[in-house]
Amino acid sequence: MTEGKKKLTAEDLEILWQNAGLANDLMFRFVMENPSLCRKTLSLLLGKQVGVITEQQTQFSIEIDGRTKGIRLDLYVEVEGEMIDVEIQTVKLSKKEMGHRLRFYQSELDQLGISKGLKYKELKKSIIIFICTYDPFGKGAGRYTFEETCQEQSSLILDDGATKIIYNTLGTLPESDKNKIAIENFFNYVNGEQPQDDFCKELAEEVKKQHQSTKKKGDFLMWEQIICEREEAAAKEAAKIAAKEATKEKARAVAIEM
């Protein structure tokens, strides 16, 4: 999920490609196509060793019936009875926007499970992970984990199998966290610093490998161009709507004065 862009020239696109690191959503998808790095990344983010991955897709689209808005996931994985979605989030969302986006993603994952023939009581556990390059809640924490709890009995957790984890790459983890150093090294690498441990060096090598791929460069440039064209079309449509509303307001003001 990258930030909105003005119309891009060929030179702009080349610069974007040369500077694309792990925080770029498309580069993240390219890197996560490596099964070993995908498993290691999930193990780090979940704080446990991830076993056999039964399904792994990048840029995975969920469109249930064609009538509702679908979503495109950066990384979708099924492992040991769990559905896991991992997103790179560089565009700053408000706390409300983040909450609504997570709610929508959760509903789509649930619909995906049901569309595969599962009954609601058979739905797999779902984990949605957002890796944010900013602090969406302004509390300074490196990780925010959300599960449904009872407001009257705070120790009572609703066992709906849904977990949302938001990482803030600008934050820090508590000293008691066993993965504190590894995760903060990962944060630093996502933020554009040099890799500080073996895992981040593996990620850096894979990013370098992707940069050497003519096919991946072509895919990257095409995708960025598509996004640019969509944003340009959306901006024009928004301008038309704004102009139409302004005309209505002007007409109303004239009518009131008559």
C-alpha atoms as a PDB file:
ATOM      1  CA  MET A   1       0.000   0.000   0.000  1.00  0.00           C
ATOM      2  CA  THR A   2       2.052   2.862  -1.258  1.00  0.00           C
ATOM      3  CA  GLU A   3       1.420   6.562  -1.101  1.00  0.00           C
ATOM      4  CA  GLY A   4      -0.492   8.514  -3.748  1.00  0.00           C
ATOM      5  CA  LYS A   5       1.677   9.792  -6.609  1.00  0.00           C
ATOM      6  CA  LYS A   6       1.601  12.460  -9.292  1.00  0.00           C
ATOM      7  CA  LYS A   7       1.999  11.463 -12.935  1.00  0.00           C
ATOM      8  CA  LEU A   8       5.311   9.650 -13.281  1.00  0.00           C
ATOM      9  CA  THR A   9       7.917  10.033 -15.994  1.00  0.00           C
ATOM     10  CA  ALA A  10      10.177   7.203 -17.154  1.00  0.00           C
ATOM     11  CA  GLU A  11      12.946   8.751 -15.057  1.00  0.00           C
ATOM     12  CA  ASP A  12      10.676   8.862 -11.991  1.00  0.00           C
ATOM     13  CA  LEU A  13       9.826   5.185 -12.437  1.00  0.00           C
ATOM     14  CA  GLU A  14      13.497   4.239 -12.751  1.00  0.00           C
ATOM     15  CA  ILE A  15      14.327   6.100  -9.531  1.00  0.00           C
ATOM     16  CA  LEU A  16      11.433   4.371  -7.742  1.00  0.00           C
ATOM     17  CA  TRP A  17      12.754   0.986  -8.846  1.00  0.00           C
ATOM     18  CA  GLN A  18      16.337   1.722  -7.828  1.00  0.00           C
ATOM     19  CA  ASN A  19      15.204   2.922  -4.382  1.00  0.00           C
ATOM     20  CA  ALA A  20      12.629   0.186  -3.763  1.00  0.00           C
ATOM     21  CA  GLY A  21      13.391  -1.585  -0.499  1.00  0.00           C
ATOM     22  CA  LEU A  22      11.394  -3.885   1.750  1.00  0.00           C
ATOM     23  CA  ALA A  23       9.037  -1.056   2.749  1.00  0.00           C
ATOM     24  CA  ASN A  24       7.802  -0.894  -0.836  1.00  0.00           C
ATOM     25  CA  ASP A  25       4.737  -3.127  -0.978  1.00  0.00           C
ATOM     26  CA  LEU A  26       5.595  -4.649  -4.351  1.00  0.00           C
ATOM     27  CA  MET A  27       9.206  -5.374  -3.370  1.00  0.00           C
ATOM     28  CA  PHE A  28       7.892  -6.910  -0.144  1.00  0.00           C
ATOM     29  CA  ARG A  29       5.704  -9.211  -2.243  1.00  0.00           C
ATOM     30  CA  PHE A  30       8.647 -10.159  -4.468  1.00  0.00           C
ATOM     31  CA  VAL A  31      10.816 -11.011  -1.447  1.00  0.00           C
ATOM     32  CA  MET A  32       8.040 -12.979   0.265  1.00  0.00           C
ATOM     33  CA  GLU A  33       7.820 -15.269  -2.768  1.00  0.00           C
ATOM     34  CA  ASN A  34      10.920 -16.912  -1.292  1.00  0.00           C
ATOM     35  CA  PRO A  35       9.400 -19.682   0.912  1.00  0.00           C
ATOM     36  CA  SER A  36      12.294 -19.738   3.381  1.00  0.00           C
ATOM     37  CA  LEU A  37      12.267 -15.964   3.943  1.00  0.00           C
ATOM     38  CA  CYS A  38       8.481 -15.966   4.130  1.00  0.00           C
ATOM     39  CA  ARG A  39       8.546 -18.593   6.883  1.00  0.00           C
ATOM     40  CA  LYS A  40      11.308 -16.787   8.787  1.00  0.00           C
ATOM     41  CA  THR A  41       9.459 -13.461   8.543  1.00  0.00           C
ATOM     42  CA  LEU A  42       6.238 -14.996   9.818  1.00  0.00           C
ATOM     43  CA  SER A  43       8.075 -16.745  12.661  1.00  0.00           C
ATOM     44  CA  LEU A  44       9.610 -13.420  13.715  1.00  0.00           C
ATOM     45  CA  LEU A  45       6.359 -11.461  13.522  1.00  0.00           C
ATOM     46  CA  LEU A  46       4.294 -14.147  15.286  1.00  0.00           C
ATOM     47  CA  GLY A  47       6.909 -14.908  17.931  1.00  0.00           C
ATOM     48  CA  LYS A  48       6.787 -18.646  17.235  1.00  0.00           C
ATOM     49  CA  GLN A  49       8.210 -21.120  14.772  1.00  0.00           C
ATOM     50  CA  VAL A  50       5.937 -21.449  11.755  1.00  0.00           C
ATOM     51  CA  GLY A  51       5.501 -24.963  10.442  1.00  0.00           C
ATOM     52  CA  VAL A  52       4.424 -26.214   7.037  1.00  0.00           C
ATOM     53  CA  ILE A  53       2.923 -23.540   4.789  1.00  0.00           C
ATOM     54  CA  THR A  54       0.026 -25.104   2.880  1.00  0.00           C
ATOM     55  CA  GLU A  55      -0.801 -22.023   0.800  1.00  0.00           C
ATOM     56  CA  GLN A  56       1.319 -18.975   0.013  1.00  0.00           C
ATOM     57  CA  GLN A  57       0.345 -16.169  -2.330  1.00  0.00           C
ATOM     58  CA  THR A  58       1.522 -12.607  -2.858  1.00  0.00           C
ATOM     59  CA  GLN A  59      -0.700  -9.888  -4.305  1.00  0.00           C
ATOM     60  CA  PHE A  60      -3.607 -12.220  -3.516  1.00  0.00           C
ATOM     61  CA  SER A  61      -7.006 -10.883  -4.578  1.00  0.00           C
ATOM     62  CA  ILE A  62     -10.208 -11.692  -2.689  1.00  0.00           C
ATOM     63  CA  GLU A  63     -13.383 -11.022  -4.682  1.00  0.00           C
ATOM     64  CA  ILE A  64     -16.167 -13.174  -3.345  1.00  0.00           C
ATOM     65  CA  ASP A  65     -19.110 -12.548  -5.698  1.00  0.00           C
ATOM     66  CA  GLY A  66     -18.100  -9.686  -7.978  1.00  0.00           C
ATOM     67  CA  ARG A  67     -20.738  -7.403  -6.438  1.00  0.00           C
ATOM     68  CA  THR A  68     -18.762  -6.166  -3.461  1.00  0.00           C
ATOM     69  CA  LYS A  69     -15.441  -4.385  -3.207  1.00  0.00           C
ATOM     70  CA  GLY A  70     -12.555  -6.857  -3.122  1.00  0.00           C
ATOM     71  CA  ILE A  71      -9.096  -6.486  -1.635  1.00  0.00           C
ATOM     72  CA  ARG A  72      -5.577  -7.319  -2.762  1.00  0.00           C
ATOM     73  CA  LEU A  73      -3.367  -8.724   0.004  1.00  0.00           C
ATOM     74  CA  ASP A  74       0.405  -8.183   0.037  1.00  0.00           C
ATOM     75  CA  LEU A  75       0.960 -11.657   1.480  1.00  0.00           C
ATOM     76  CA  TYR A  76      -1.606 -14.366   2.188  1.00  0.00           C
ATOM     77  CA  VAL A  77      -0.527 -17.580   3.884  1.00  0.00           C
ATOM     78  CA  GLU A  78      -2.304 -20.602   5.304  1.00  0.00           C
ATOM     79  CA  VAL A  79      -0.350 -22.569   7.888  1.00  0.00           C
ATOM     80  CA  GLU A  80      -1.364 -25.071  10.562  1.00  0.00           C
ATOM     81  CA  GLY A  81      -5.059 -24.167  10.459  1.00  0.00           C
ATOM     82  CA  GLU A  82      -4.456 -20.412  10.383  1.00  0.00           C
ATOM     83  CA  MET A  83      -5.128 -17.793   7.726  1.00  0.00           C
ATOM     84  CA  ILE A  84      -2.483 -15.069   7.865  1.00  0.00           C
ATOM     85  CA  ASP A  85      -2.449 -11.761   6.013  1.00  0.00           C
ATOM     86  CA  VAL A  86       0.645  -9.515   6.160  1.00  0.00           C
ATOM     87  CA  GLU A  87       0.557  -5.939   4.844  1.00  0.00           C
ATOM     88  CA  ILE A  88       3.188  -3.238   4.453  1.00  0.00           C
ATOM     89  CA  GLN A  89       1.545   0.097   5.334  1.00  0.00           C
ATOM     90  CA  THR A  90       3.425   3.303   4.477  1.00  0.00           C
ATOM     91  CA  VAL A  91       0.420   5.578   3.929  1.00  0.00           C
ATOM     92  CA  LYS A  92      -0.537   7.159   7.244  1.00  0.00           C
ATOM     93  CA  LEU A  93      -4.018   6.179   8.376  1.00  0.00           C
ATOM     94  CA  SER A  94      -5.891   7.722  11.286  1.00  0.00           C
ATOM     95  CA  LYS A  95      -6.781   5.469  14.202  1.00  0.00           C
ATOM     96  CA  LYS A  96     -10.354   5.297  12.885  1.00  0.00           C
ATOM     97  CA  GLU A  97      -9.229   4.529   9.336  1.00  0.00           C
ATOM     98  CA  MET A  98      -6.940   1.782  10.615  1.00  0.00           C
ATOM     99  CA  GLY A  99      -9.782   0.251  12.615  1.00  0.00           C
ATOM    100  CA  HIS A 100     -12.168   0.298   9.675  1.00  0.00           C
ATOM    101  CA  ARG A 101      -9.582  -1.162   7.314  1.00  0.00           C
ATOM    102  CA  LEU A 102      -8.860  -4.023   9.714  1.00  0.00           C
ATOM    103  CA  ARG A 103     -12.583  -4.648  10.094  1.00  0.00           C
ATOM    104  CA  PHE A 104     -12.981  -4.853   6.305  1.00  0.00           C
ATOM    105  CA  TYR A 105      -9.990  -7.167   5.874  1.00  0.00           C
ATOM    106  CA  GLN A 106     -11.308  -9.414   8.632  1.00  0.00           C
ATOM    107  CA  SER A 107     -14.706  -9.684   6.971  1.00  0.00           C
ATOM    108  CA  GLU A 108     -13.074 -10.578   3.646  1.00  0.00           C
ATOM    109  CA  LEU A 109     -10.936 -13.302   5.227  1.00  0.00           C
ATOM    110  CA  ASP A 110     -14.025 -14.748   6.902  1.00  0.00           C
ATOM    111  CA  GLN A 111     -15.912 -14.700   3.605  1.00  0.00           C
ATOM    112  CA  LEU A 112     -12.948 -16.428   1.957  1.00  0.00           C
ATOM    113  CA  GLY A 113     -13.145 -19.216   4.513  1.00  0.00           C
ATOM    114  CA  ILE A 114     -16.896 -19.630   4.047  1.00  0.00           C
ATOM    115  CA  SER A 115     -16.536 -19.550   0.245  1.00  0.00           C
ATOM    116  CA  LYS A 116     -14.219 -22.571   0.534  1.00  0.00           C
ATOM    117  CA  GLY A 117     -17.114 -24.531   1.962  1.00  0.00           C
ATOM    118  CA  LEU A 118     -16.429 -24.109   5.687  1.00  0.00           C
ATOM    119  CA  LYS A 119     -19.255 -23.654   8.186  1.00  0.00           C
ATOM    120  CA  TYR A 120     -18.886 -20.715  10.563  1.00  0.00           C
ATOM    121  CA  LYS A 121     -17.844 -23.012  13.412  1.00  0.00           C
ATOM    122  CA  GLU A 122     -15.111 -24.441  11.161  1.00  0.00           C
ATOM    123  CA  LEU A 123     -13.564 -21.079  10.297  1.00  0.00           C
ATOM    124  CA  LYS A 124      -9.798 -21.096  10.673  1.00  0.00           C
ATOM    125  CA  LYS A 125      -8.058 -18.777  13.060  1.00  0.00           C
ATOM    126  CA  SER A 126      -7.154 -15.551  11.275  1.00  0.00           C
ATOM    127  CA  ILE A 127      -4.222 -13.251  11.952  1.00  0.00           C
ATOM    128  CA  ILE A 128      -3.907  -9.880  10.224  1.00  0.00           C
ATOM    129  CA  ILE A 129      -0.503  -8.212  10.527  1.00  0.00           C
ATOM    130  CA  PHE A 130       0.177  -4.638   9.458  1.00  0.00           C
ATOM    131  CA  ILE A 131       3.803  -3.463   9.326  1.00  0.00           C
ATOM    132  CA  CYS A 132       3.489   0.322   9.580  1.00  0.00           C
ATOM    133  CA  THR A 133       6.362   2.721   8.962  1.00  0.00           C
ATOM    134  CA  TYR A 134       4.700   5.168  11.370  1.00  0.00           C
ATOM    135  CA  ASP A 135       2.935   4.952  14.717  1.00  0.00           C
ATOM    136  CA  PRO A 136      -0.804   4.604  13.983  1.00  0.00           C
ATOM    137  CA  PHE A 137      -1.813   5.041  17.627  1.00  0.00           C
ATOM    138  CA  GLY A 138       0.809   7.499  18.882  1.00  0.00           C
ATOM    139  CA  LYS A 139       1.724   5.446  21.947  1.00  0.00           C
ATOM    140  CA  GLY A 140       5.323   4.666  20.999  1.00  0.00           C
ATOM    141  CA  ALA A 141       4.867   0.894  21.154  1.00  0.00           C
ATOM    142  CA  GLY A 142       6.544  -1.298  18.578  1.00  0.00           C
ATOM    143  CA  ARG A 143       3.638  -3.729  18.556  1.00  0.00           C
ATOM    144  CA  TYR A 144      -0.107  -3.427  19.189  1.00  0.00           C
ATOM    145  CA  THR A 145      -2.066  -6.692  19.471  1.00  0.00           C
ATOM    146  CA  PHE A 146      -5.857  -6.698  19.424  1.00  0.00           C
ATOM    147  CA  GLU A 147      -8.337  -9.418  20.364  1.00  0.00           C
ATOM    148  CA  GLU A 148     -11.988  -9.114  21.373  1.00  0.00           C
ATOM    149  CA  THR A 149     -12.405  -8.687  25.128  1.00  0.00           C
ATOM    150  CA  CYS A 150     -15.402  -8.104  27.375  1.00  0.00           C
ATOM    151  CA  GLN A 151     -15.673  -4.503  28.600  1.00  0.00           C
ATOM    152  CA  GLU A 152     -17.251  -5.597  31.893  1.00  0.00           C
ATOM    153  CA  GLN A 153     -14.806  -8.481  32.475  1.00  0.00           C
ATOM    154  CA  SER A 154     -11.444  -7.456  31.011  1.00  0.00           C
ATOM    155  CA  SER A 155      -9.948 -10.922  31.526  1.00  0.00           C
ATOM    156  CA  LEU A 156     -12.718 -12.511  29.442  1.00  0.00           C
ATOM    157  CA  ILE A 157     -11.649 -12.962  25.806  1.00  0.00           C
ATOM    158  CA  LEU A 158     -14.179 -13.695  23.083  1.00  0.00           C
ATOM    159  CA  ASP A 159     -12.829 -16.832  21.434  1.00  0.00           C
ATOM    160  CA  ASP A 160     -13.615 -15.809  17.841  1.00  0.00           C
ATOM    161  CA  GLY A 161     -10.174 -16.819  16.536  1.00  0.00           C
ATOM    162  CA  ALA A 162      -9.409 -13.366  15.137  1.00  0.00           C
ATOM    163  CA  THR A 163      -6.207 -11.500  16.002  1.00  0.00           C
ATOM    164  CA  LYS A 164      -4.872  -8.213  14.628  1.00  0.00           C
ATOM    165  CA  ILE A 165      -1.232  -7.252  15.128  1.00  0.00           C
ATOM    166  CA  ILE A 166       0.040  -3.822  14.140  1.00  0.00           C
ATOM    167  CA  TYR A 167       3.787  -3.260  14.118  1.00  0.00           C
ATOM    168  CA  ASN A 168       5.180   0.262  14.313  1.00  0.00           C
ATOM    169  CA  THR A 169       8.708   0.307  12.865  1.00  0.00           C
ATOM    170  CA  LEU A 170       9.447   3.563  14.705  1.00  0.00           C
ATOM    171  CA  GLY A 171       8.569   2.088  18.086  1.00  0.00           C
ATOM    172  CA  THR A 172      10.283  -0.125  20.637  1.00  0.00           C
ATOM    173  CA  LEU A 173       9.370  -3.394  22.294  1.00  0.00           C
ATOM    174  CA  PRO A 174       9.516  -4.067  26.058  1.00  0.00           C
ATOM    175  CA  GLU A 175      12.775  -5.429  27.476  1.00  0.00           C
ATOM    176  CA  SER A 176      10.916  -8.600  28.451  1.00  0.00           C
ATOM    177  CA  ASP A 177      10.158  -9.467  24.814  1.00  0.00           C
ATOM    178  CA  LYS A 178      12.399 -12.380  23.817  1.00  0.00           C
ATOM    179  CA  ASN A 179      12.489 -11.200  20.183  1.00  0.00           C
ATOM    180  CA  LYS A 180      13.097  -7.537  20.992  1.00  0.00           C
ATOM    181  CA  ILE A 181      16.536  -7.279  19.329  1.00  0.00           C
ATOM    182  CA  ALA A 182      15.577  -9.308  16.250  1.00  0.00           C
ATOM    183  CA  ILE A 183      12.336  -7.399  15.657  1.00  0.00           C
ATOM    184  CA  GLU A 184      13.937  -3.988  16.189  1.00  0.00           C
ATOM    185  CA  ASN A 185      16.718  -4.981  13.778  1.00  0.00           C
ATOM    186  CA  PHE A 186      13.953  -5.833  11.311  1.00  0.00           C
ATOM    187  CA  PHE A 187      12.320  -2.443  11.979  1.00  0.00           C
ATOM    188  CA  ASN A 188      15.602  -0.669  11.256  1.00  0.00           C
ATOM    189  CA  TYR A 189      16.069  -2.552   7.996  1.00  0.00           C
ATOM    190  CA  VAL A 190      12.494  -1.769   6.865  1.00  0.00           C
ATOM    191  CA  ASN A 191      13.202   1.883   7.689  1.00  0.00           C
ATOM    192  CA  GLY A 192      16.121   1.878   5.258  1.00  0.00           C
ATOM    193  CA  GLU A 193      19.102   1.212   7.525  1.00  0.00           C
ATOM    194  CA  GLN A 194      21.823  -1.326   6.783  1.00  0.00           C
ATOM    195  CA  PRO A 195      21.051  -4.921   7.894  1.00  0.00           C
ATOM    196  CA  GLN A 196      22.300  -5.633  11.407  1.00  0.00           C
ATOM    197  CA  ASP A 197      21.835  -9.395  11.729  1.00  0.00           C
ATOM    198  CA  ASP A 198      21.937 -12.534   9.597  1.00  0.00           C
ATOM    199  CA  PHE A 199      18.205 -12.563   8.893  1.00  0.00           C
ATOM    200  CA  CYS A 200      18.133  -8.966   7.689  1.00  0.00           C
ATOM    201  CA  LYS A 201      21.219  -9.675   5.580  1.00  0.00           C
ATOM    202  CA  GLU A 202      19.275 -12.508   3.931  1.00  0.00           C
ATOM    203  CA  LEU A 203      16.428 -10.104   3.234  1.00  0.00           C
ATOM    204  CA  ALA A 204      18.880  -7.574   1.787  1.00  0.00           C
ATOM    205  CA  GLU A 205      20.399 -10.217  -0.486  1.00  0.00           C
ATOM    206  CA  GLU A 206      16.946 -11.149  -1.757  1.00  0.00           C
ATOM    207  CA  VAL A 207      16.110  -7.485  -2.418  1.00  0.00           C
ATOM    208  CA  LYS A 208      19.373  -7.207  -4.365  1.00  0.00           C
ATOM    209  CA  LYS A 209      18.477 -10.345  -6.319  1.00  0.00           C
ATOM    210  CA  GLN A 210      15.063  -8.908  -7.210  1.00  0.00           C
ATOM    211  CA  HIS A 211      16.704  -5.718  -8.463  1.00  0.00           C
ATOM    212  CA  GLN A 212      18.729  -7.830 -10.884  1.00  0.00           C
ATOM    213  CA  SER A 213      15.603  -9.420 -12.390  1.00  0.00           C
ATOM    214  CA  THR A 214      14.476  -7.848 -15.655  1.00  0.00           C
ATOM    215  CA  LYS A 215      11.062  -9.470 -15.287  1.00  0.00           C
ATOM    216  CA  LYS A 216      10.515  -8.131 -11.768  1.00  0.00           C
ATOM    217  CA  LYS A 217      11.602  -4.674 -12.881  1.00  0.00           C
ATOM    218  CA  GLY A 218       9.056  -4.836 -15.716  1.00  0.00           C
ATOM    219  CA  ASP A 219       6.317  -5.969 -13.314  1.00  0.00           C
ATOM    220  CA  PHE A 220       7.240  -3.189 -10.886  1.00  0.00           C
ATOM    221  CA  LEU A 221       7.233  -0.417 -13.504  1.00  0.00           C
ATOM    222  CA  MET A 222       3.952  -1.640 -15.012  1.00  0.00           C
ATOM    223  CA  TRP A 223       2.266  -1.783 -11.597  1.00  0.00           C
ATOM    224  CA  GLU A 224       3.456   1.693 -10.612  1.00  0.00           C
ATOM    225  CA  GLN A 225       2.195   3.053 -13.929  1.00  0.00           C
ATOM    226  CA  ILE A 226      -1.200   1.422 -13.415  1.00  0.00           C
ATOM    227  CA  ILE A 227      -1.473   2.888  -9.914  1.00  0.00           C
ATOM    228  CA  CYS A 228      -0.488   6.311 -11.252  1.00  0.00           C
ATOM    229  CA  GLU A 229      -3.156   6.156 -13.971  1.00  0.00           C
ATOM    230  CA  ARG A 230      -5.817   5.027 -11.493  1.00  0.00           C
ATOM    231  CA  GLU A 231      -4.952   7.845  -9.110  1.00  0.00           C
ATOM    232  CA  GLU A 232      -5.029  10.376 -11.943  1.00  0.00           C
ATOM    233  CA  ALA A 233      -8.472   9.130 -13.011  1.00  0.00           C
ATOM    234  CA  ALA A 234      -9.698   9.227  -9.398  1.00  0.00           C
ATOM    235  CA  ALA A 235      -8.401  12.798  -8.975  1.00  0.00           C
ATOM    236  CA  LYS A 236     -10.235  13.916 -12.135  1.00  0.00           C
ATOM    237  CA  GLU A 237     -13.448  12.280 -10.938  1.00  0.00           C
ATOM    238  CA  ALA A 238     -13.098  13.936  -7.529  1.00  0.00           C
ATOM    239  CA  ALA A 239     -12.560  17.314  -9.214  1.00  0.00           C
ATOM    240  CA  LYS A 240     -15.723  16.817 -11.299  1.00  0.00           C
ATOM    241  CA  ILE A 241     -17.757  15.978  -8.207  1.00  0.00           C
ATOM    242  CA  ALA A 242     -16.329  18.973  -6.328  1.00  0.00           C
ATOM    243  CA  ALA A 243     -17.152  21.306  -9.248  1.00  0.00           C
ATOM    244  CA  LYS A 244     -20.680  19.916  -9.459  1.00  0.00           C
ATOM    245  CA  GLU A 245     -21.218  20.414  -5.723  1.00  0.00           C
ATOM    246  CA  ALA A 246     -19.837  23.959  -5.944  1.00  0.00           C
ATOM    247  CA  THR A 247     -22.315  24.731  -8.736  1.00  0.00           C
ATOM    248  CA  LYS A 248     -25.169  23.372  -6.620  1.00  0.00           C
ATOM    249  CA  GLU A 249     -24.113  25.494  -3.645  1.00  0.00           C
ATOM    250  CA  LYS A 250     -23.894  28.601  -5.812  1.00  0.00           C
ATOM    251  CA  ALA A 251     -27.350  27.950  -7.277  1.00  0.00           C
ATOM    252  CA  ARG A 252     -28.763  27.422  -3.793  1.00  0.00           C
ATOM    253  CA  ALA A 253     -27.242  30.676  -2.560  1.00  0.00           C
ATOM    254  CA  VAL A 254     -28.770  32.552  -5.497  1.00  0.00           C
ATOM    255  CA  ALA A 255     -32.166  30.942  -4.866  1.00  0.00           C
ATOM    256  CA  ILE A 256     -32.077  31.964  -1.203  1.00  0.00           C
ATOM    257  CA  GLU A 257     -31.344  35.569  -2.120  1.00  0.00           C
ATOM    258  CA  MET A 258     -34.216  35.733  -4.643  1.00  0.00           C
END
